[in-house]
Amino acid sequence: MSGLPSTTARTTVLSEFDEMMISKSIATREQRLRAKGFTAEQAAEILEAEAEEVAAEVNAAATQQLAQGDGDGSDDDAGADADAALRAYRAARIAELKAAQAGRAELVQVTKSTWEADVAQAAGWVVVALHADPSLEEQAGRGVPAQCAALVAALRDVAARWSDVRCCQIAALDAIPPSQLGKLPGLFCYRDGALCHSLMGAEAVGAARSGPDLARTLAELGVLAPGAGAGGAVSDHESDDLDSD
């Protein structure tokens, strides 16, 4: 599956509506960039570049404050102000990382047109669950749409708890031909765009009893690390790296 090429120029400038959603914590900046057509990697690069610009501005302001010191103690005041500005930047950067990760800690709805960006071009692990509309029960089999819904619910729980994988759902008929509906439910695990694992039918049903059950199955497959932390958290070493700048 691949998305259709876009001929529309993309911009990183967000609309007032986008800014409103971000200010009200309805969406993150990364999510709004993704909605404009940027891939996850491109959005991350944009956020990093913007953070570097902020850092440069903070450093320039600190340098100017130090240069304005007049020897009557203002040097110390300027240095304290510069330190405070740098601490504020680091705190903002950590908050931005958390917001970016929170943007990934959700179940992403994938379609044929977004498959290329959301799955095929995504770095790291991507787990995709197929969901079937109740109207497909006659073709898929009695109770199969409900089993698909349970799998999607379990994957949504995984998405909320672990941020080191990208969790997605896609309509069954966007992913497989009608002749394959009898093999549902289905769960596919991709790494760097390559299919590594697939669970179909009873195997997928067994993995979907609950979010923790599915997480254990994914850990057994090597998709999740054993004892992986809760989703959305910035790691300790990442925070330390920021504090040591």
C-alpha atoms as a PDB file:
ATOM      1  CA  MET A   1       0.000   0.000   0.000  1.00  0.00           C
ATOM      2  CA  SER A   2       1.288   3.462  -0.783  1.00  0.00           C
ATOM      3  CA  GLY A   3      -0.044   6.983  -0.471  1.00  0.00           C
ATOM      4  CA  LEU A   4      -0.733   9.238  -3.419  1.00  0.00           C
ATOM      5  CA  PRO A   5       1.979  11.851  -4.067  1.00  0.00           C
ATOM      6  CA  SER A   6       1.070  15.341  -2.959  1.00  0.00           C
ATOM      7  CA  THR A   7       1.657  18.358  -5.142  1.00  0.00           C
ATOM      8  CA  THR A   8       0.676  20.846  -2.434  1.00  0.00           C
ATOM      9  CA  ALA A   9       3.521  22.825  -0.865  1.00  0.00           C
ATOM     10  CA  ARG A  10       3.702  22.217   2.860  1.00  0.00           C
ATOM     11  CA  THR A  11       4.410  24.896   5.429  1.00  0.00           C
ATOM     12  CA  THR A  12       5.394  24.720   9.086  1.00  0.00           C
ATOM     13  CA  VAL A  13       3.301  27.815   9.834  1.00  0.00           C
ATOM     14  CA  LEU A  14       0.263  26.791  11.852  1.00  0.00           C
ATOM     15  CA  SER A  15      -3.167  28.362  11.568  1.00  0.00           C
ATOM     16  CA  GLU A  16      -4.991  30.122  14.413  1.00  0.00           C
ATOM     17  CA  PHE A  17      -7.135  26.994  14.724  1.00  0.00           C
ATOM     18  CA  ASP A  18      -4.019  24.819  15.081  1.00  0.00           C
ATOM     19  CA  GLU A  19      -2.575  27.162  17.708  1.00  0.00           C
ATOM     20  CA  MET A  20      -5.879  27.117  19.598  1.00  0.00           C
ATOM     21  CA  MET A  21      -5.878  23.305  19.675  1.00  0.00           C
ATOM     22  CA  ILE A  22      -2.307  23.293  20.977  1.00  0.00           C
ATOM     23  CA  SER A  23      -2.998  25.964  23.624  1.00  0.00           C
ATOM     24  CA  LYS A  24      -5.962  23.963  24.922  1.00  0.00           C
ATOM     25  CA  SER A  25      -3.894  20.730  24.957  1.00  0.00           C
ATOM     26  CA  ILE A  26      -6.251  19.182  22.401  1.00  0.00           C
ATOM     27  CA  ALA A  27      -3.329  18.462  20.090  1.00  0.00           C
ATOM     28  CA  THR A  28       0.457  18.801  20.064  1.00  0.00           C
ATOM     29  CA  ARG A  29       2.523  20.766  17.557  1.00  0.00           C
ATOM     30  CA  GLU A  30       3.810  17.447  16.196  1.00  0.00           C
ATOM     31  CA  GLN A  31       0.252  16.255  15.563  1.00  0.00           C
ATOM     32  CA  ARG A  32      -0.664  19.426  13.698  1.00  0.00           C
ATOM     33  CA  LEU A  33       2.499  19.169  11.584  1.00  0.00           C
ATOM     34  CA  ARG A  34       1.598  15.556  10.787  1.00  0.00           C
ATOM     35  CA  ALA A  35      -1.876  16.724   9.772  1.00  0.00           C
ATOM     36  CA  LYS A  36      -0.213  19.031   7.233  1.00  0.00           C
ATOM     37  CA  GLY A  37       1.398  16.022   5.579  1.00  0.00           C
ATOM     38  CA  PHE A  38       4.792  15.827   7.286  1.00  0.00           C
ATOM     39  CA  THR A  39       6.062  12.385   8.301  1.00  0.00           C
ATOM     40  CA  ALA A  40       6.876  11.600  11.938  1.00  0.00           C
ATOM     41  CA  GLU A  41      10.589  11.966  11.186  1.00  0.00           C
ATOM     42  CA  GLN A  42      10.109  15.299   9.396  1.00  0.00           C
ATOM     43  CA  ALA A  43       7.997  16.636  12.257  1.00  0.00           C
ATOM     44  CA  ALA A  44      10.680  15.596  14.762  1.00  0.00           C
ATOM     45  CA  GLU A  45      13.349  17.356  12.685  1.00  0.00           C
ATOM     46  CA  ILE A  46      11.225  20.515  12.545  1.00  0.00           C
ATOM     47  CA  LEU A  47      10.725  20.502  16.314  1.00  0.00           C
ATOM     48  CA  GLU A  48      14.444  19.958  16.867  1.00  0.00           C
ATOM     49  CA  ALA A  49      15.349  22.821  14.517  1.00  0.00           C
ATOM     50  CA  GLU A  50      12.907  25.124  16.293  1.00  0.00           C
ATOM     51  CA  ALA A  51      14.392  24.130  19.665  1.00  0.00           C
ATOM     52  CA  GLU A  52      17.869  24.933  18.370  1.00  0.00           C
ATOM     53  CA  GLU A  53      16.650  28.361  17.250  1.00  0.00           C
ATOM     54  CA  VAL A  54      15.259  29.019  20.718  1.00  0.00           C
ATOM     55  CA  ALA A  55      18.552  27.903  22.256  1.00  0.00           C
ATOM     56  CA  ALA A  56      20.478  30.261  19.968  1.00  0.00           C
ATOM     57  CA  GLU A  57      18.215  33.155  20.932  1.00  0.00           C
ATOM     58  CA  VAL A  58      18.647  32.384  24.635  1.00  0.00           C
ATOM     59  CA  ASN A  59      22.424  32.195  24.290  1.00  0.00           C
ATOM     60  CA  ALA A  60      22.518  35.457  22.324  1.00  0.00           C
ATOM     61  CA  ALA A  61      20.449  37.194  24.986  1.00  0.00           C
ATOM     62  CA  ALA A  62      22.687  35.833  27.735  1.00  0.00           C
ATOM     63  CA  THR A  63      25.811  37.019  25.908  1.00  0.00           C
ATOM     64  CA  GLN A  64      24.323  40.486  25.488  1.00  0.00           C
ATOM     65  CA  GLN A  65      23.420  40.664  29.166  1.00  0.00           C
ATOM     66  CA  LEU A  66      26.959  39.697  30.168  1.00  0.00           C
ATOM     67  CA  ALA A  67      28.438  42.295  27.809  1.00  0.00           C
ATOM     68  CA  GLN A  68      26.312  45.017  29.416  1.00  0.00           C
ATOM     69  CA  GLY A  69      27.739  44.394  32.884  1.00  0.00           C
ATOM     70  CA  ASP A  70      29.313  47.592  34.328  1.00  0.00           C
ATOM     71  CA  GLY A  71      31.439  46.175  37.130  1.00  0.00           C
ATOM     72  CA  ASP A  72      29.146  47.222  39.961  1.00  0.00           C
ATOM     73  CA  GLY A  73      27.688  43.800  40.484  1.00  0.00           C
ATOM     74  CA  SER A  74      25.586  43.833  37.353  1.00  0.00           C
ATOM     75  CA  ASP A  75      27.849  41.116  35.900  1.00  0.00           C
ATOM     76  CA  ASP A  76      26.629  38.760  38.596  1.00  0.00           C
ATOM     77  CA  ASP A  77      23.039  39.816  37.985  1.00  0.00           C
ATOM     78  CA  ALA A  78      23.436  39.276  34.239  1.00  0.00           C
ATOM     79  CA  GLY A  79      24.991  35.880  34.810  1.00  0.00           C
ATOM     80  CA  ALA A  80      22.130  34.911  37.112  1.00  0.00           C
ATOM     81  CA  ASP A  81      19.614  36.094  34.530  1.00  0.00           C
ATOM     82  CA  ALA A  82      21.391  34.090  31.822  1.00  0.00           C
ATOM     83  CA  ASP A  83      21.379  30.975  33.992  1.00  0.00           C
ATOM     84  CA  ALA A  84      17.685  31.457  34.698  1.00  0.00           C
ATOM     85  CA  ALA A  85      16.991  31.859  30.982  1.00  0.00           C
ATOM     86  CA  LEU A  86      18.905  28.692  30.167  1.00  0.00           C
ATOM     87  CA  ARG A  87      17.064  26.757  32.883  1.00  0.00           C
ATOM     88  CA  ALA A  88      13.767  28.024  31.493  1.00  0.00           C
ATOM     89  CA  TYR A  89      14.782  26.863  28.020  1.00  0.00           C
ATOM     90  CA  ARG A  90      15.747  23.414  29.273  1.00  0.00           C
ATOM     91  CA  ALA A  91      12.452  23.100  31.138  1.00  0.00           C
ATOM     92  CA  ALA A  92      10.573  24.137  28.004  1.00  0.00           C
ATOM     93  CA  ARG A  93      12.549  21.644  25.912  1.00  0.00           C
ATOM     94  CA  ILE A  94      11.701  18.782  28.278  1.00  0.00           C
ATOM     95  CA  ALA A  95       8.046  19.822  28.163  1.00  0.00           C
ATOM     96  CA  GLU A  96       8.215  19.855  24.356  1.00  0.00           C
ATOM     97  CA  LEU A  97       9.686  16.348  24.319  1.00  0.00           C
ATOM     98  CA  LYS A  98       6.894  15.154  26.581  1.00  0.00           C
ATOM     99  CA  ALA A  99       4.305  16.801  24.337  1.00  0.00           C
ATOM    100  CA  ALA A 100       5.850  15.239  21.233  1.00  0.00           C
ATOM    101  CA  GLN A 101       5.821  11.811  22.856  1.00  0.00           C
ATOM    102  CA  ALA A 102       2.243  12.340  24.015  1.00  0.00           C
ATOM    103  CA  GLY A 103       1.373  12.973  20.388  1.00  0.00           C
ATOM    104  CA  ARG A 104       2.619   9.471  19.569  1.00  0.00           C
ATOM    105  CA  ALA A 105       0.908   7.872  22.551  1.00  0.00           C
ATOM    106  CA  GLU A 106      -2.401   7.398  20.762  1.00  0.00           C
ATOM    107  CA  LEU A 107      -3.974   4.947  18.364  1.00  0.00           C
ATOM    108  CA  VAL A 108      -3.495   6.435  14.896  1.00  0.00           C
ATOM    109  CA  GLN A 109      -6.186   5.907  12.275  1.00  0.00           C
ATOM    110  CA  VAL A 110      -4.419   4.871   9.061  1.00  0.00           C
ATOM    111  CA  THR A 111      -5.946   4.855   5.581  1.00  0.00           C
ATOM    112  CA  LYS A 112      -4.690   3.821   2.157  1.00  0.00           C
ATOM    113  CA  SER A 113      -3.636   7.405   1.482  1.00  0.00           C
ATOM    114  CA  THR A 114      -1.679   7.761   4.751  1.00  0.00           C
ATOM    115  CA  TRP A 115      -0.169   4.256   4.870  1.00  0.00           C
ATOM    116  CA  GLU A 116       3.091   5.317   3.247  1.00  0.00           C
ATOM    117  CA  ALA A 117       3.784   8.081   5.789  1.00  0.00           C
ATOM    118  CA  ASP A 118       2.334   6.395   8.871  1.00  0.00           C
ATOM    119  CA  VAL A 119       3.699   2.878   8.376  1.00  0.00           C
ATOM    120  CA  ALA A 120       5.937   2.275   5.355  1.00  0.00           C
ATOM    121  CA  GLN A 121       8.196   5.283   6.010  1.00  0.00           C
ATOM    122  CA  ALA A 122       8.012   5.243   9.808  1.00  0.00           C
ATOM    123  CA  ALA A 123      11.180   4.547  11.768  1.00  0.00           C
ATOM    124  CA  GLY A 124      11.148   1.904  14.496  1.00  0.00           C
ATOM    125  CA  TRP A 125       8.266  -0.371  15.395  1.00  0.00           C
ATOM    126  CA  VAL A 126       4.740   0.175  14.101  1.00  0.00           C
ATOM    127  CA  VAL A 127       1.899  -2.117  15.177  1.00  0.00           C
ATOM    128  CA  VAL A 128      -1.255  -2.134  13.040  1.00  0.00           C
ATOM    129  CA  ALA A 129      -4.592  -3.684  13.978  1.00  0.00           C
ATOM    130  CA  LEU A 130      -7.281  -4.359  11.379  1.00  0.00           C
ATOM    131  CA  HIS A 131     -10.813  -3.411  12.343  1.00  0.00           C
ATOM    132  CA  ALA A 132     -13.973  -4.649  10.638  1.00  0.00           C
ATOM    133  CA  ASP A 133     -17.260  -2.802  10.491  1.00  0.00           C
ATOM    134  CA  PRO A 134     -20.217  -4.785  11.917  1.00  0.00           C
ATOM    135  CA  SER A 135     -21.713  -4.766   8.417  1.00  0.00           C
ATOM    136  CA  LEU A 136     -18.924  -7.174   7.406  1.00  0.00           C
ATOM    137  CA  GLU A 137     -19.951  -9.873   9.897  1.00  0.00           C
ATOM    138  CA  GLU A 138     -21.566 -12.056   7.232  1.00  0.00           C
ATOM    139  CA  GLN A 139     -18.365 -12.045   5.171  1.00  0.00           C
ATOM    140  CA  ALA A 140     -15.896 -12.205   8.071  1.00  0.00           C
ATOM    141  CA  GLY A 141     -17.759 -14.606  10.316  1.00  0.00           C
ATOM    142  CA  ARG A 142     -19.986 -14.474  13.371  1.00  0.00           C
ATOM    143  CA  GLY A 143     -18.461 -12.377  16.141  1.00  0.00           C
ATOM    144  CA  VAL A 144     -15.384 -11.383  14.120  1.00  0.00           C
ATOM    145  CA  PRO A 145     -16.093  -7.613  14.087  1.00  0.00           C
ATOM    146  CA  ALA A 146     -16.439  -7.737  17.886  1.00  0.00           C
ATOM    147  CA  GLN A 147     -13.115  -9.623  18.119  1.00  0.00           C
ATOM    148  CA  CYS A 148     -11.502  -6.966  15.915  1.00  0.00           C
ATOM    149  CA  ALA A 149     -12.921  -4.265  18.188  1.00  0.00           C
ATOM    150  CA  ALA A 150     -11.419  -6.020  21.225  1.00  0.00           C
ATOM    151  CA  LEU A 151      -8.023  -6.152  19.513  1.00  0.00           C
ATOM    152  CA  VAL A 152      -8.212  -2.443  18.673  1.00  0.00           C
ATOM    153  CA  ALA A 153      -9.163  -1.641  22.292  1.00  0.00           C
ATOM    154  CA  ALA A 154      -6.191  -3.650  23.581  1.00  0.00           C
ATOM    155  CA  LEU A 155      -3.855  -1.874  21.170  1.00  0.00           C
ATOM    156  CA  ARG A 156      -5.243   1.493  22.242  1.00  0.00           C
ATOM    157  CA  ASP A 157      -4.290   0.582  25.819  1.00  0.00           C
ATOM    158  CA  VAL A 158      -0.774  -0.327  24.671  1.00  0.00           C
ATOM    159  CA  ALA A 159      -0.519   3.024  22.847  1.00  0.00           C
ATOM    160  CA  ALA A 160      -1.443   4.870  26.025  1.00  0.00           C
ATOM    161  CA  ARG A 161       1.153   3.005  28.116  1.00  0.00           C
ATOM    162  CA  TRP A 162       4.174   2.655  25.822  1.00  0.00           C
ATOM    163  CA  SER A 163       5.585   5.413  23.631  1.00  0.00           C
ATOM    164  CA  ASP A 164       8.384   3.367  22.048  1.00  0.00           C
ATOM    165  CA  VAL A 165       6.042   1.876  19.429  1.00  0.00           C
ATOM    166  CA  ARG A 166       3.619   3.527  17.031  1.00  0.00           C
ATOM    167  CA  CYS A 167       0.173   1.946  17.302  1.00  0.00           C
ATOM    168  CA  CYS A 168      -2.288   2.184  14.408  1.00  0.00           C
ATOM    169  CA  GLN A 169      -5.604   0.836  13.199  1.00  0.00           C
ATOM    170  CA  ILE A 170      -6.816   0.482   9.645  1.00  0.00           C
ATOM    171  CA  ALA A 171     -10.112  -0.612   8.111  1.00  0.00           C
ATOM    172  CA  ALA A 172      -9.816  -4.240   7.045  1.00  0.00           C
ATOM    173  CA  LEU A 173     -10.893  -3.558   3.468  1.00  0.00           C
ATOM    174  CA  ASP A 174      -8.184  -0.891   3.173  1.00  0.00           C
ATOM    175  CA  ALA A 175      -5.574  -3.542   3.974  1.00  0.00           C
ATOM    176  CA  ILE A 176      -6.754  -6.912   2.672  1.00  0.00           C
ATOM    177  CA  PRO A 177      -9.037  -8.132  -0.128  1.00  0.00           C
ATOM    178  CA  PRO A 178     -12.611  -9.223   0.747  1.00  0.00           C
ATOM    179  CA  SER A 179     -11.624 -12.864   0.229  1.00  0.00           C
ATOM    180  CA  GLN A 180      -9.321 -12.618   3.271  1.00  0.00           C
ATOM    181  CA  LEU A 181     -11.881 -11.260   5.737  1.00  0.00           C
ATOM    182  CA  GLY A 182     -12.416 -14.747   7.160  1.00  0.00           C
ATOM    183  CA  LYS A 183      -8.865 -14.648   8.563  1.00  0.00           C
ATOM    184  CA  LEU A 184      -9.595 -11.697  10.862  1.00  0.00           C
ATOM    185  CA  PRO A 185      -8.794 -10.382  13.421  1.00  0.00           C
ATOM    186  CA  GLY A 186      -5.355  -9.324  12.249  1.00  0.00           C
ATOM    187  CA  LEU A 187      -2.347  -7.637  13.816  1.00  0.00           C
ATOM    188  CA  PHE A 188       0.811  -6.706  11.908  1.00  0.00           C
ATOM    189  CA  CYS A 189       4.160  -5.547  13.281  1.00  0.00           C
ATOM    190  CA  TYR A 190       6.491  -3.504  11.083  1.00  0.00           C
ATOM    191  CA  ARG A 191      10.014  -2.346  11.817  1.00  0.00           C
ATOM    192  CA  ASP A 192      11.435   0.473   9.712  1.00  0.00           C
ATOM    193  CA  GLY A 193       8.731  -0.245   7.132  1.00  0.00           C
ATOM    194  CA  ALA A 194       9.356  -4.013   6.875  1.00  0.00           C
ATOM    195  CA  LEU A 195       6.747  -6.555   8.003  1.00  0.00           C
ATOM    196  CA  CYS A 196       8.272  -8.664  10.795  1.00  0.00           C
ATOM    197  CA  HIS A 197       5.310 -10.373  12.490  1.00  0.00           C
ATOM    198  CA  SER A 198       1.673 -11.064  11.707  1.00  0.00           C
ATOM    199  CA  LEU A 199      -0.984 -12.507  14.013  1.00  0.00           C
ATOM    200  CA  MET A 200      -4.211 -13.671  12.392  1.00  0.00           C
ATOM    201  CA  GLY A 201      -7.413 -15.283  13.584  1.00  0.00           C
ATOM    202  CA  ALA A 202      -7.320 -17.167  16.880  1.00  0.00           C
ATOM    203  CA  GLU A 203      -3.733 -16.119  17.538  1.00  0.00           C
ATOM    204  CA  ALA A 204      -4.727 -12.463  17.353  1.00  0.00           C
ATOM    205  CA  VAL A 205      -7.832 -13.091  19.480  1.00  0.00           C
ATOM    206  CA  GLY A 206      -5.672 -14.681  22.181  1.00  0.00           C
ATOM    207  CA  ALA A 207      -3.371 -11.668  22.231  1.00  0.00           C
ATOM    208  CA  ALA A 208      -6.257  -9.229  22.502  1.00  0.00           C
ATOM    209  CA  ARG A 209      -7.788 -10.253  25.817  1.00  0.00           C
ATOM    210  CA  SER A 210      -6.499  -7.027  27.363  1.00  0.00           C
ATOM    211  CA  GLY A 211      -3.896  -4.319  26.901  1.00  0.00           C
ATOM    212  CA  PRO A 212      -1.415  -6.012  29.291  1.00  0.00           C
ATOM    213  CA  ASP A 213      -1.904  -9.359  27.517  1.00  0.00           C
ATOM    214  CA  LEU A 214      -1.188  -7.751  24.155  1.00  0.00           C
ATOM    215  CA  ALA A 215       1.833  -5.951  25.622  1.00  0.00           C
ATOM    216  CA  ARG A 216       3.227  -9.273  26.842  1.00  0.00           C
ATOM    217  CA  THR A 217       2.710 -10.789  23.389  1.00  0.00           C
ATOM    218  CA  LEU A 218       4.496  -7.849  21.784  1.00  0.00           C
ATOM    219  CA  ALA A 219       7.330  -8.188  24.303  1.00  0.00           C
ATOM    220  CA  GLU A 220       7.681 -11.878  23.391  1.00  0.00           C
ATOM    221  CA  LEU A 221       7.942 -10.847  19.744  1.00  0.00           C
ATOM    222  CA  GLY A 222      10.622  -8.284  20.592  1.00  0.00           C
ATOM    223  CA  VAL A 223       8.429  -5.340  19.661  1.00  0.00           C
ATOM    224  CA  LEU A 224       8.237  -4.111  23.254  1.00  0.00           C
ATOM    225  CA  ALA A 225      11.090  -4.449  25.714  1.00  0.00           C
ATOM    226  CA  PRO A 226      10.224  -6.460  28.851  1.00  0.00           C
ATOM    227  CA  GLY A 227       9.125  -4.081  31.572  1.00  0.00           C
ATOM    228  CA  ALA A 228       8.816  -1.138  29.189  1.00  0.00           C
ATOM    229  CA  GLY A 229       7.870   2.109  30.955  1.00  0.00           C
ATOM    230  CA  ALA A 230       4.565   3.917  30.710  1.00  0.00           C
ATOM    231  CA  GLY A 231       3.969   5.831  27.481  1.00  0.00           C
ATOM    232  CA  GLY A 232       4.562   9.519  27.188  1.00  0.00           C
ATOM    233  CA  ALA A 233       7.406   9.758  29.688  1.00  0.00           C
ATOM    234  CA  VAL A 234      10.730  11.380  28.926  1.00  0.00           C
ATOM    235  CA  SER A 235      13.509   9.008  29.908  1.00  0.00           C
ATOM    236  CA  ASP A 236      15.838   9.864  32.799  1.00  0.00           C
ATOM    237  CA  HIS A 237      18.929   9.876  30.599  1.00  0.00           C
ATOM    238  CA  GLU A 238      17.234  12.210  28.125  1.00  0.00           C
ATOM    239  CA  SER A 239      16.421  14.669  30.897  1.00  0.00           C
ATOM    240  CA  ASP A 240      19.977  14.381  32.226  1.00  0.00           C
ATOM    241  CA  ASP A 241      21.358  15.130  28.772  1.00  0.00           C
ATOM    242  CA  LEU A 242      19.264  18.266  28.607  1.00  0.00           C
ATOM    243  CA  ASP A 243      20.273  19.379  32.081  1.00  0.00           C
ATOM    244  CA  SER A 244      23.959  18.888  31.260  1.00  0.00           C
ATOM    245  CA  ASP A 245      23.835  21.209  28.215  1.00  0.00           C
END
